[in-house]
PDB file of N, CA and C in Angstrom:
ATOM      1  N   MET A   1     114.354 115.904  92.256  1.00  0.00           N
ATOM      2  CA  MET A   1     112.989 115.704  92.693  1.00  0.00           C
ATOM      3  C   MET A   1     112.086 115.572  91.469  1.00  0.00           C
ATOM      4  N   GLN A   2     111.114 114.693  91.575  1.00  0.00           N
ATOM      5  CA  GLN A   2     110.100 114.535  90.547  1.00  0.00           C
ATOM      6  C   GLN A   2     108.749 114.978  91.117  1.00  0.00           C
ATOM      7  N   ARG A   3     107.870 115.437  90.245  1.00  0.00           N
ATOM      8  CA  ARG A   3     106.524 115.819  90.668  1.00  0.00           C
ATOM      9  C   ARG A   3     105.514 115.068  89.812  1.00  0.00           C
ATOM     10  N   TYR A   4     104.533 114.498  90.481  1.00  0.00           N
ATOM     11  CA  TYR A   4     103.445 113.797  89.813  1.00  0.00           C
ATOM     12  C   TYR A   4     102.138 114.453  90.227  1.00  0.00           C
ATOM     13  N   CYS A   5     101.192 114.546  89.294  1.00  0.00           N
ATOM     14  CA  CYS A   5      99.866 115.085  89.580  1.00  0.00           C
ATOM     15  C   CYS A   5      98.827 114.075  89.138  1.00  0.00           C
ATOM     16  N   PHE A   6      97.849 113.854  89.996  1.00  0.00           N
ATOM     17  CA  PHE A   6      96.830 112.845  89.763  1.00  0.00           C
ATOM     18  C   PHE A   6      95.447 113.437  89.985  1.00  0.00           C
ATOM     19  N   VAL A   7      94.449 112.778  89.419  1.00  0.00           N
ATOM     20  CA  VAL A   7      93.057 113.161  89.616  1.00  0.00           C
ATOM     21  C   VAL A   7      92.240 111.912  89.930  1.00  0.00           C
ATOM     22  N   LEU A   8      91.191 112.118  90.723  1.00  0.00           N
ATOM     23  CA  LEU A   8      90.286 111.034  91.094  1.00  0.00           C
ATOM     24  C   LEU A   8      88.955 111.663  91.476  1.00  0.00           C
ATOM     25  N   ASP A   9      87.865 110.997  91.172  1.00  0.00           N
ATOM     26  CA  ASP A   9      86.545 111.498  91.541  1.00  0.00           C
ATOM     27  C   ASP A   9      85.974 110.706  92.712  1.00  0.00           C
ATOM     28  N   LEU A  10      85.336 111.442  93.615  1.00  0.00           N
ATOM     29  CA  LEU A  10      84.617 110.831  94.721  1.00  0.00           C
ATOM     30  C   LEU A  10      83.170 110.589  94.315  1.00  0.00           C
ATOM     31  N   ARG A  11      82.512 109.722  95.049  1.00  0.00           N
ATOM     32  CA  ARG A  11      81.076 109.542  94.836  1.00  0.00           C
ATOM     33  C   ARG A  11      80.400 110.867  95.214  1.00  0.00           C
ATOM     34  N   PRO A  12      79.443 111.332  94.421  1.00  0.00           N
ATOM     35  CA  PRO A  12      78.827 112.647  94.684  1.00  0.00           C
ATOM     36  C   PRO A  12      77.791 112.588  95.808  1.00  0.00           C
ATOM     37  N   ASP A  13      78.280 112.296  97.007  1.00  0.00           N
ATOM     38  CA  ASP A  13      77.426 112.177  98.184  1.00  0.00           C
ATOM     39  C   ASP A  13      78.074 113.010  99.299  1.00  0.00           C
ATOM     40  N   PRO A  14      77.423 114.092  99.740  1.00  0.00           N
ATOM     41  CA  PRO A  14      78.032 114.974 100.748  1.00  0.00           C
ATOM     42  C   PRO A  14      78.423 114.254 102.041  1.00  0.00           C
ATOM     43  N   VAL A  15      77.679 113.260 102.447  1.00  0.00           N
ATOM     44  CA  VAL A  15      78.003 112.520 103.676  1.00  0.00           C
ATOM     45  C   VAL A  15      79.284 111.714 103.471  1.00  0.00           C
ATOM     46  N   LEU A  16      79.389 111.032 102.340  1.00  0.00           N
ATOM     47  CA  LEU A  16      80.600 110.263 102.046  1.00  0.00           C
ATOM     48  C   LEU A  16      81.816 111.175 101.889  1.00  0.00           C
ATOM     49  N   ILE A  17      81.637 112.299 101.227  1.00  0.00           N
ATOM     50  CA  ILE A  17      82.744 113.234 101.042  1.00  0.00           C
ATOM     51  C   ILE A  17      83.229 113.768 102.387  1.00  0.00           C
ATOM     52  N   ALA A  18      82.304 114.090 103.273  1.00  0.00           N
ATOM     53  CA  ALA A  18      82.680 114.578 104.609  1.00  0.00           C
ATOM     54  C   ALA A  18      83.462 113.513 105.377  1.00  0.00           C
ATOM     55  N   GLU A  19      83.068 112.262 105.254  1.00  0.00           N
ATOM     56  CA  GLU A  19      83.779 111.180 105.944  1.00  0.00           C
ATOM     57  C   GLU A  19      85.162 110.956 105.322  1.00  0.00           C
ATOM     58  N   TYR A  20      85.257 111.068 104.018  1.00  0.00           N
ATOM     59  CA  TYR A  20      86.540 110.937 103.334  1.00  0.00           C
ATOM     60  C   TYR A  20      87.511 112.014 103.835  1.00  0.00           C
ATOM     61  N   ILE A  21      87.030 113.226 103.940  1.00  0.00           N
ATOM     62  CA  ILE A  21      87.852 114.331 104.443  1.00  0.00           C
ATOM     63  C   ILE A  21      88.272 114.064 105.883  1.00  0.00           C
ATOM     64  N   ARG A  22      87.326 113.626 106.716  1.00  0.00           N
ATOM     65  CA  ARG A  22      87.634 113.331 108.121  1.00  0.00           C
ATOM     66  C   ARG A  22      88.732 112.283 108.227  1.00  0.00           C
ATOM     67  N   LEU A  23      88.623 111.221 107.436  1.00  0.00           N
ATOM     68  CA  LEU A  23      89.633 110.163 107.478  1.00  0.00           C
ATOM     69  C   LEU A  23      91.006 110.675 107.050  1.00  0.00           C
ATOM     70  N   HIS A  24      91.035 111.601 106.096  1.00  0.00           N
ATOM     71  CA  HIS A  24      92.314 112.139 105.638  1.00  0.00           C
ATOM     72  C   HIS A  24      92.911 113.161 106.610  1.00  0.00           C
ATOM     73  N   GLN A  25      92.137 113.648 107.533  1.00  0.00           N
ATOM     74  CA  GLN A  25      92.680 114.530 108.569  1.00  0.00           C
ATOM     75  C   GLN A  25      93.371 113.731 109.660  1.00  0.00           C
ATOM     76  N   GLY A  26      93.207 112.414 109.614  1.00  0.00           N
ATOM     77  CA  GLY A  26      93.864 111.526 110.570  1.00  0.00           C
ATOM     78  C   GLY A  26      94.364 110.270 109.881  1.00  0.00           C
ATOM     79  N   VAL A  27      95.096 110.442 108.778  1.00  0.00           N
ATOM     80  CA  VAL A  27      95.596 109.296 108.015  1.00  0.00           C
ATOM     81  C   VAL A  27      96.378 108.376 108.946  1.00  0.00           C
ATOM     82  N   TRP A  28      96.132 107.092 108.822  1.00  0.00           N
ATOM     83  CA  TRP A  28      96.794 106.111 109.681  1.00  0.00           C
ATOM     84  C   TRP A  28      98.315 106.245 109.594  1.00  0.00           C
ATOM     85  N   PRO A  29      99.009 106.100 110.720  1.00  0.00           N
ATOM     86  CA  PRO A  29     100.475 106.222 110.717  1.00  0.00           C
ATOM     87  C   PRO A  29     101.147 105.250 109.748  1.00  0.00           C
ATOM     88  N   GLU A  30     100.599 104.051 109.618  1.00  0.00           N
ATOM     89  CA  GLU A  30     101.183 103.061 108.714  1.00  0.00           C
ATOM     90  C   GLU A  30     101.104 103.510 107.256  1.00  0.00           C
ATOM     91  N   ILE A  31     100.072 104.279 106.944  1.00  0.00           N
ATOM     92  CA  ILE A  31      99.915 104.776 105.578  1.00  0.00           C
ATOM     93  C   ILE A  31     100.937 105.878 105.320  1.00  0.00           C
ATOM     94  N   ARG A  32     101.068 106.790 106.271  1.00  0.00           N
ATOM     95  CA  ARG A  32     102.087 107.838 106.147  1.00  0.00           C
ATOM     96  C   ARG A  32     103.482 107.215 105.971  1.00  0.00           C
ATOM     97  N   GLU A  33     103.772 106.198 106.771  1.00  0.00           N
ATOM     98  CA  GLU A  33     105.067 105.529 106.712  1.00  0.00           C
ATOM     99  C   GLU A  33     105.276 104.863 105.346  1.00  0.00           C
ATOM    100  N   SER A  34     104.247 104.217 104.821  1.00  0.00           N
ATOM    101  CA  SER A  34     104.387 103.532 103.534  1.00  0.00           C
ATOM    102  C   SER A  34     104.613 104.528 102.392  1.00  0.00           C
ATOM    103  N   ILE A  35     103.986 105.681 102.483  1.00  0.00           N
ATOM    104  CA  ILE A  35     104.166 106.716 101.460  1.00  0.00           C
ATOM    105  C   ILE A  35     105.617 107.197 101.458  1.00  0.00           C
ATOM    106  N   ARG A  36     106.142 107.478 102.631  1.00  0.00           N
ATOM    107  CA  ARG A  36     107.533 107.939 102.733  1.00  0.00           C
ATOM    108  C   ARG A  36     108.519 106.849 102.315  1.00  0.00           C
ATOM    109  N   GLU A  37     108.223 105.600 102.721  1.00  0.00           N
ATOM    110  CA  GLU A  37     109.095 104.471 102.372  1.00  0.00           C
ATOM    111  C   GLU A  37     109.231 104.317 100.850  1.00  0.00           C
ATOM    112  N   ALA A  38     108.187 104.654 100.124  1.00  0.00           N
ATOM    113  CA  ALA A  38     108.202 104.531  98.669  1.00  0.00           C
ATOM    114  C   ALA A  38     109.014 105.640  97.995  1.00  0.00           C
ATOM    115  N   GLY A  39     109.419 106.659  98.766  1.00  0.00           N
ATOM    116  CA  GLY A  39     110.213 107.744  98.197  1.00  0.00           C
ATOM    117  C   GLY A  39     109.441 109.020  97.952  1.00  0.00           C
ATOM    118  N   VAL A  40     108.273 109.140  98.582  1.00  0.00           N
ATOM    119  CA  VAL A  40     107.479 110.359  98.443  1.00  0.00           C
ATOM    120  C   VAL A  40     107.934 111.353  99.509  1.00  0.00           C
ATOM    121  N   LEU A  41     108.323 112.545  99.073  1.00  0.00           N
ATOM    122  CA  LEU A  41     108.792 113.594  99.980  1.00  0.00           C
ATOM    123  C   LEU A  41     107.630 114.421 100.516  1.00  0.00           C
ATOM    124  N   ASP A  42     106.655 114.689  99.658  1.00  0.00           N
ATOM    125  CA  ASP A  42     105.488 115.483 100.047  1.00  0.00           C
ATOM    126  C   ASP A  42     104.307 115.045  99.199  1.00  0.00           C
ATOM    127  N   MET A  43     103.127 115.078  99.798  1.00  0.00           N
ATOM    128  CA  MET A  43     101.898 114.739  99.104  1.00  0.00           C
ATOM    129  C   MET A  43     100.812 115.680  99.600  1.00  0.00           C
ATOM    130  N   GLN A  44     100.086 116.249  98.654  1.00  0.00           N
ATOM    131  CA  GLN A  44      98.972 117.135  98.991  1.00  0.00           C
ATOM    132  C   GLN A  44      97.768 116.720  98.164  1.00  0.00           C
ATOM    133  N   ILE A  45      96.588 116.774  98.790  1.00  0.00           N
ATOM    134  CA  ILE A  45      95.345 116.483  98.082  1.00  0.00           C
ATOM    135  C   ILE A  45      94.435 117.691  98.214  1.00  0.00           C
ATOM    136  N   TYR A  46      93.893 118.122  97.093  1.00  0.00           N
ATOM    137  CA  TYR A  46      92.946 119.245  97.035  1.00  0.00           C
ATOM    138  C   TYR A  46      91.610 118.721  96.520  1.00  0.00           C
ATOM    139  N   ARG A  47      90.536 119.418  96.878  1.00  0.00           N
ATOM    140  CA  ARG A  47      89.200 119.001  96.467  1.00  0.00           C
ATOM    141  C   ARG A  47      88.427 120.161  95.874  1.00  0.00           C
ATOM    142  N   LEU A  48      87.690 119.886  94.816  1.00  0.00           N
ATOM    143  CA  LEU A  48      86.713 120.808  94.251  1.00  0.00           C
ATOM    144  C   LEU A  48      85.466 119.980  93.994  1.00  0.00           C
ATOM    145  N   GLY A  49      84.454 120.161  94.819  1.00  0.00           N
ATOM    146  CA  GLY A  49      83.251 119.346  94.711  1.00  0.00           C
ATOM    147  C   GLY A  49      83.587 117.897  94.985  1.00  0.00           C
ATOM    148  N   ASP A  50      83.339 117.035  93.997  1.00  0.00           N
ATOM    149  CA  ASP A  50      83.663 115.623  94.179  1.00  0.00           C
ATOM    150  C   ASP A  50      84.928 115.210  93.412  1.00  0.00           C
ATOM    151  N   ARG A  51      85.694 116.193  92.929  1.00  0.00           N
ATOM    152  CA  ARG A  51      86.941 115.919  92.221  1.00  0.00           C
ATOM    153  C   ARG A  51      88.118 116.175  93.152  1.00  0.00           C
ATOM    154  N   LEU A  52      89.071 115.230  93.160  1.00  0.00           N
ATOM    155  CA  LEU A  52      90.290 115.356  93.945  1.00  0.00           C
ATOM    156  C   LEU A  52      91.477 115.545  93.017  1.00  0.00           C
ATOM    157  N   PHE A  53      92.434 116.325  93.478  1.00  0.00           N
ATOM    158  CA  PHE A  53      93.681 116.573  92.758  1.00  0.00           C
ATOM    159  C   PHE A  53      94.811 116.328  93.742  1.00  0.00           C
ATOM    160  N   MET A  54      95.756 115.457  93.383  1.00  0.00           N
ATOM    161  CA  MET A  54      96.869 115.134  94.267  1.00  0.00           C
ATOM    162  C   MET A  54      98.179 115.529  93.604  1.00  0.00           C
ATOM    163  N   ILE A  55      99.027 116.194  94.378  1.00  0.00           N
ATOM    164  CA  ILE A  55     100.392 116.531  93.962  1.00  0.00           C
ATOM    165  C   ILE A  55     101.328 115.689  94.817  1.00  0.00           C
ATOM    166  N   MET A  56     102.267 115.034  94.166  1.00  0.00           N
ATOM    167  CA  MET A  56     103.192 114.172  94.874  1.00  0.00           C
ATOM    168  C   MET A  56     104.609 114.523  94.432  1.00  0.00           C
ATOM    169  N   ASP A  57     105.428 114.976  95.355  1.00  0.00           N
ATOM    170  CA  ASP A  57     106.837 115.252  95.100  1.00  0.00           C
ATOM    171  C   ASP A  57     107.644 114.075  95.629  1.00  0.00           C
ATOM    172  N   THR A  58     108.564 113.576  94.801  1.00  0.00           N
ATOM    173  CA  THR A  58     109.273 112.349  95.137  1.00  0.00           C
ATOM    174  C   THR A  58     110.780 112.495  94.974  1.00  0.00           C
ATOM    175  N   LEU A  59     111.482 111.503  95.479  1.00  0.00           N
ATOM    176  CA  LEU A  59     112.917 111.395  95.226  1.00  0.00           C
ATOM    177  C   LEU A  59     113.142 111.167  93.742  1.00  0.00           C
ATOM    178  N   ASP A  60     114.337 111.461  93.275  1.00  0.00           N
ATOM    179  CA  ASP A  60     114.663 111.302  91.861  1.00  0.00           C
ATOM    180  C   ASP A  60     114.517 109.857  91.378  1.00  0.00           C
ATOM    181  N   ASP A  61     114.816 108.883  92.250  1.00  0.00           N
ATOM    182  CA  ASP A  61     114.765 107.481  91.823  1.00  0.00           C
ATOM    183  C   ASP A  61     113.394 106.826  92.054  1.00  0.00           C
ATOM    184  N   PHE A  62     112.406 107.608  92.446  1.00  0.00           N
ATOM    185  CA  PHE A  62     111.048 107.094  92.657  1.00  0.00           C
ATOM    186  C   PHE A  62     110.459 106.575  91.348  1.00  0.00           C
ATOM    187  N   THR A  63     109.724 105.454  91.457  1.00  0.00           N
ATOM    188  CA  THR A  63     108.942 104.980  90.311  1.00  0.00           C
ATOM    189  C   THR A  63     107.548 104.595  90.797  1.00  0.00           C
ATOM    190  N   LEU A  64     106.575 104.815  89.945  1.00  0.00           N
ATOM    191  CA  LEU A  64     105.199 104.425  90.270  1.00  0.00           C
ATOM    192  C   LEU A  64     105.086 102.904  90.396  1.00  0.00           C
ATOM    193  N   GLU A  65     105.875 102.181  89.615  1.00  0.00           N
ATOM    194  CA  GLU A  65     105.845 100.720  89.673  1.00  0.00           C
ATOM    195  C   GLU A  65     106.348 100.208  91.022  1.00  0.00           C
ATOM    196  N   ARG A  66     107.410 100.809  91.520  1.00  0.00           N
ATOM    197  CA  ARG A  66     107.933 100.391  92.831  1.00  0.00           C
ATOM    198  C   ARG A  66     106.928 100.705  93.927  1.00  0.00           C
ATOM    199  N   LYS A  67     106.323 101.886  93.879  1.00  0.00           N
ATOM    200  CA  LYS A  67     105.321 102.242  94.884  1.00  0.00           C
ATOM    201  C   LYS A  67     104.138 101.273  94.821  1.00  0.00           C
ATOM    202  N   ALA A  68     103.680 100.941  93.617  1.00  0.00           N
ATOM    203  CA  ALA A  68     102.564 100.004  93.470  1.00  0.00           C
ATOM    204  C   ALA A  68     102.917  98.636  94.053  1.00  0.00           C
ATOM    205  N   ALA A  69     104.145  98.179  93.820  1.00  0.00           N
ATOM    206  CA  ALA A  69     104.576  96.882  94.357  1.00  0.00           C
ATOM    207  C   ALA A  69     104.639  96.915  95.880  1.00  0.00           C
ATOM    208  N   LEU A  70     105.185  97.988  96.439  1.00  0.00           N
ATOM    209  CA  LEU A  70     105.231  98.126  97.900  1.00  0.00           C
ATOM    210  C   LEU A  70     103.822  98.161  98.483  1.00  0.00           C
ATOM    211  N   ASP A  71     102.936  98.924  97.845  1.00  0.00           N
ATOM    212  CA  ASP A  71     101.546  99.026  98.326  1.00  0.00           C
ATOM    213  C   ASP A  71     100.850  97.674  98.282  1.00  0.00           C
ATOM    214  N   ALA A  72     101.029  96.943  97.191  1.00  0.00           N
ATOM    215  CA  ALA A  72     100.358  95.651  97.018  1.00  0.00           C
ATOM    216  C   ALA A  72     100.830  94.616  98.031  1.00  0.00           C
ATOM    217  N   ALA A  73     102.043  94.810  98.568  1.00  0.00           N
ATOM    218  CA  ALA A  73     102.601  93.877  99.544  1.00  0.00           C
ATOM    219  C   ALA A  73     102.335  94.293 100.990  1.00  0.00           C
ATOM    220  N   ASN A  74     101.648  95.413 101.184  1.00  0.00           N
ATOM    221  CA  ASN A  74     101.430  95.951 102.528  1.00  0.00           C
ATOM    222  C   ASN A  74      99.956  95.787 102.927  1.00  0.00           C
ATOM    223  N   PRO A  75      99.649  94.884 103.871  1.00  0.00           N
ATOM    224  CA  PRO A  75      98.256  94.639 104.255  1.00  0.00           C
ATOM    225  C   PRO A  75      97.532  95.890 104.763  1.00  0.00           C
ATOM    226  N   LYS A  76      98.239  96.765 105.438  1.00  0.00           N
ATOM    227  CA  LYS A  76      97.599  97.981 105.962  1.00  0.00           C
ATOM    228  C   LYS A  76      97.228  98.935 104.823  1.00  0.00           C
ATOM    229  N   VAL A  77      98.077  99.021 103.807  1.00  0.00           N
ATOM    230  CA  VAL A  77      97.764  99.851 102.637  1.00  0.00           C
ATOM    231  C   VAL A  77      96.556  99.271 101.911  1.00  0.00           C
ATOM    232  N   ILE A  78      96.513  97.952 101.759  1.00  0.00           N
ATOM    233  CA  ILE A  78      95.372  97.305 101.108  1.00  0.00           C
ATOM    234  C   ILE A  78      94.096  97.587 101.904  1.00  0.00           C
ATOM    235  N   GLU A  79      94.173  97.519 103.225  1.00  0.00           N
ATOM    236  CA  GLU A  79      93.015  97.825 104.072  1.00  0.00           C
ATOM    237  C   GLU A  79      92.564  99.277 103.870  1.00  0.00           C
ATOM    238  N   TRP A  80      93.510 100.211 103.871  1.00  0.00           N
ATOM    239  CA  TRP A  80      93.209 101.635 103.674  1.00  0.00           C
ATOM    240  C   TRP A  80      92.578 101.868 102.303  1.00  0.00           C
ATOM    241  N   GLU A  81      93.201 101.308 101.263  1.00  0.00           N
ATOM    242  CA  GLU A  81      92.715 101.512  99.905  1.00  0.00           C
ATOM    243  C   GLU A  81      91.337 100.874  99.697  1.00  0.00           C
ATOM    244  N   THR A  82      91.093  99.757 100.340  1.00  0.00           N
ATOM    245  CA  THR A  82      89.765  99.130 100.274  1.00  0.00           C
ATOM    246  C   THR A  82      88.730 100.042 100.912  1.00  0.00           C
ATOM    247  N   LEU A  83      89.066 100.617 102.066  1.00  0.00           N
ATOM    248  CA  LEU A  83      88.177 101.563 102.732  1.00  0.00           C
ATOM    249  C   LEU A  83      87.955 102.799 101.859  1.00  0.00           C
ATOM    250  N   MET A  84      89.029 103.339 101.275  1.00  0.00           N
ATOM    251  CA  MET A  84      88.896 104.534 100.435  1.00  0.00           C
ATOM    252  C   MET A  84      88.022 104.263  99.206  1.00  0.00           C
ATOM    253  N   GLY A  85      88.025 103.039  98.730  1.00  0.00           N
ATOM    254  CA  GLY A  85      87.215 102.674  97.573  1.00  0.00           C
ATOM    255  C   GLY A  85      85.725 102.855  97.797  1.00  0.00           C
ATOM    256  N   THR A  86      85.298 102.860  99.049  1.00  0.00           N
ATOM    257  CA  THR A  86      83.869 103.070  99.337  1.00  0.00           C
ATOM    258  C   THR A  86      83.463 104.519  99.076  1.00  0.00           C
ATOM    259  N   PHE A  87      84.428 105.409  98.986  1.00  0.00           N
ATOM    260  CA  PHE A  87      84.164 106.832  98.776  1.00  0.00           C
ATOM    261  C   PHE A  87      84.461 107.273  97.344  1.00  0.00           C
ATOM    262  N   GLN A  88      85.254 106.489  96.645  1.00  0.00           N
ATOM    263  CA  GLN A  88      85.762 106.880  95.332  1.00  0.00           C
ATOM    264  C   GLN A  88      84.932 106.266  94.207  1.00  0.00           C
ATOM    265  N   GLN A  89      84.822 107.000  93.110  1.00  0.00           N
ATOM    266  CA  GLN A  89      84.150 106.468  91.925  1.00  0.00           C
ATOM    267  C   GLN A  89      85.164 105.657  91.131  1.00  0.00           C
ATOM    268  N   VAL A  90      85.320 104.412  91.536  1.00  0.00           N
ATOM    269  CA  VAL A  90      86.304 103.534  90.919  1.00  0.00           C
ATOM    270  C   VAL A  90      85.692 102.152  90.713  1.00  0.00           C
ATOM    271  N   ASP A  91      86.320 101.387  89.860  1.00  0.00           N
ATOM    272  CA  ASP A  91      85.932 100.002  89.657  1.00  0.00           C
ATOM    273  C   ASP A  91      86.360  99.216  90.892  1.00  0.00           C
ATOM    274  N   ALA A  92      85.391  98.682  91.616  1.00  0.00           N
ATOM    275  CA  ALA A  92      85.691  97.960  92.854  1.00  0.00           C
ATOM    276  C   ALA A  92      86.621  96.774  92.609  1.00  0.00           C
ATOM    277  N   ALA A  93      86.586  96.207  91.429  1.00  0.00           N
ATOM    278  CA  ALA A  93      87.443  95.065  91.108  1.00  0.00           C
ATOM    279  C   ALA A  93      88.786  95.502  90.547  1.00  0.00           C
ATOM    280  N   GLY A  94      88.966  96.807  90.367  1.00  0.00           N
ATOM    281  CA  GLY A  94      90.197  97.330  89.777  1.00  0.00           C
ATOM    282  C   GLY A  94      91.375  97.280  90.728  1.00  0.00           C
ATOM    283  N   ASP A  95      92.528  97.619  90.215  1.00  0.00           N
ATOM    284  CA  ASP A  95      93.773  97.636  90.974  1.00  0.00           C
ATOM    285  C   ASP A  95      93.705  98.721  92.048  1.00  0.00           C
ATOM    286  N   LEU A  96      93.805  98.308  93.305  1.00  0.00           N
ATOM    287  CA  LEU A  96      93.720  99.245  94.425  1.00  0.00           C
ATOM    288  C   LEU A  96      94.813 100.303  94.376  1.00  0.00           C
ATOM    289  N   THR A  97      95.954  99.957  93.813  1.00  0.00           N
ATOM    290  CA  THR A  97      97.096 100.865  93.831  1.00  0.00           C
ATOM    291  C   THR A  97      97.144 101.784  92.612  1.00  0.00           C
ATOM    292  N   ARG A  98      96.172 101.689  91.715  1.00  0.00           N
ATOM    293  CA  ARG A  98      96.186 102.485  90.482  1.00  0.00           C
ATOM    294  C   ARG A  98      94.886 103.249  90.265  1.00  0.00           C
ATOM    295  N   ARG A  99      94.231 103.632  91.321  1.00  0.00           N
ATOM    296  CA  ARG A  99      92.953 104.335  91.188  1.00  0.00           C
ATOM    297  C   ARG A  99      93.122 105.782  90.757  1.00  0.00           C
ATOM    298  N   TRP A 100      94.145 106.417  91.259  1.00  0.00           N
ATOM    299  CA  TRP A 100      94.423 107.807  90.884  1.00  0.00           C
ATOM    300  C   TRP A 100      94.948 107.816  89.462  1.00  0.00           C
ATOM    301  N   GLN A 101      94.432 108.709  88.634  1.00  0.00           N
ATOM    302  CA  GLN A 101      94.843 108.800  87.238  1.00  0.00           C
ATOM    303  C   GLN A 101      95.923 109.867  87.087  1.00  0.00           C
ATOM    304  N   LEU A 102      97.046 109.465  86.513  1.00  0.00           N
ATOM    305  CA  LEU A 102      98.183 110.356  86.308  1.00  0.00           C
ATOM    306  C   LEU A 102      97.822 111.400  85.242  1.00  0.00           C
ATOM    307  N   MET A 103      98.112 112.652  85.550  1.00  0.00           N
ATOM    308  CA  MET A 103      97.824 113.753  84.625  1.00  0.00           C
ATOM    309  C   MET A 103      99.077 114.106  83.840  1.00  0.00           C
ATOM    310  N   ASP A 104      98.885 114.608  82.623  1.00  0.00           N
ATOM    311  CA  ASP A 104      99.993 115.083  81.791  1.00  0.00           C
ATOM    312  C   ASP A 104     100.172 116.580  82.009  1.00  0.00           C
ATOM    313  N   LYS A 105     101.428 116.987  82.225  1.00  0.00           N
ATOM    314  CA  LYS A 105     101.721 118.419  82.328  1.00  0.00           C
ATOM    315  C   LYS A 105     101.713 119.013  80.926  1.00  0.00           C
ATOM    316  N   ILE A 106     100.976 120.104  80.762  1.00  0.00           N
ATOM    317  CA  ILE A 106     100.891 120.733  79.451  1.00  0.00           C
ATOM    318  C   ILE A 106     101.458 122.157  79.440  1.00  0.00           C
ATOM    319  N   PHE A 107     101.820 122.690  80.621  1.00  0.00           N
ATOM    320  CA  PHE A 107     102.365 124.049  80.685  1.00  0.00           C
ATOM    321  C   PHE A 107     103.195 124.199  81.926  1.00  0.00           C
ATOM    322  N   GLN A 108     104.267 124.967  81.823  1.00  0.00           N
ATOM    323  CA  GLN A 108     105.068 125.345  82.985  1.00  0.00           C
ATOM    324  C   GLN A 108     105.649 126.721  82.738  1.00  0.00           C
ATOM    325  N   LEU A 109     105.455 127.625  83.675  1.00  0.00           N
ATOM    326  CA  LEU A 109     106.019 128.974  83.606  1.00  0.00           C
ATOM    327  C   LEU A 109     107.376 128.940  84.273  1.00  0.00           C
ATOM    328  N   THR A 110     108.421 129.121  83.484  1.00  0.00           N
ATOM    329  CA  THR A 110     109.772 129.125  84.076  1.00  0.00           C
ATOM    330  C   THR A 110     110.538 130.333  83.598  1.00  0.00           C
TER     331      THR A 110
END
């Protein structure tokens, strides 16, 4: 299993943040399916103010490049990501599949 951690900022608007949360409490079935199809075993998103933190546990053979390619070829994922872009502080012209910024692990207690 591999673990990836990402960060992303939302627009600092309480109404938009509330709607973003509401949408994530009912993520479209096609989005859930696409995440699993890419090799993601578990995904969790946490929020502190307008900052989001995502943990993604994947199969050993998972790659971010493969997931990005699958996402880019899926019209429903593009629709979802376009909608999510209205809530996120991202470049609207940027790559829809690369908005979350990958974090570097700097410590592990083992």
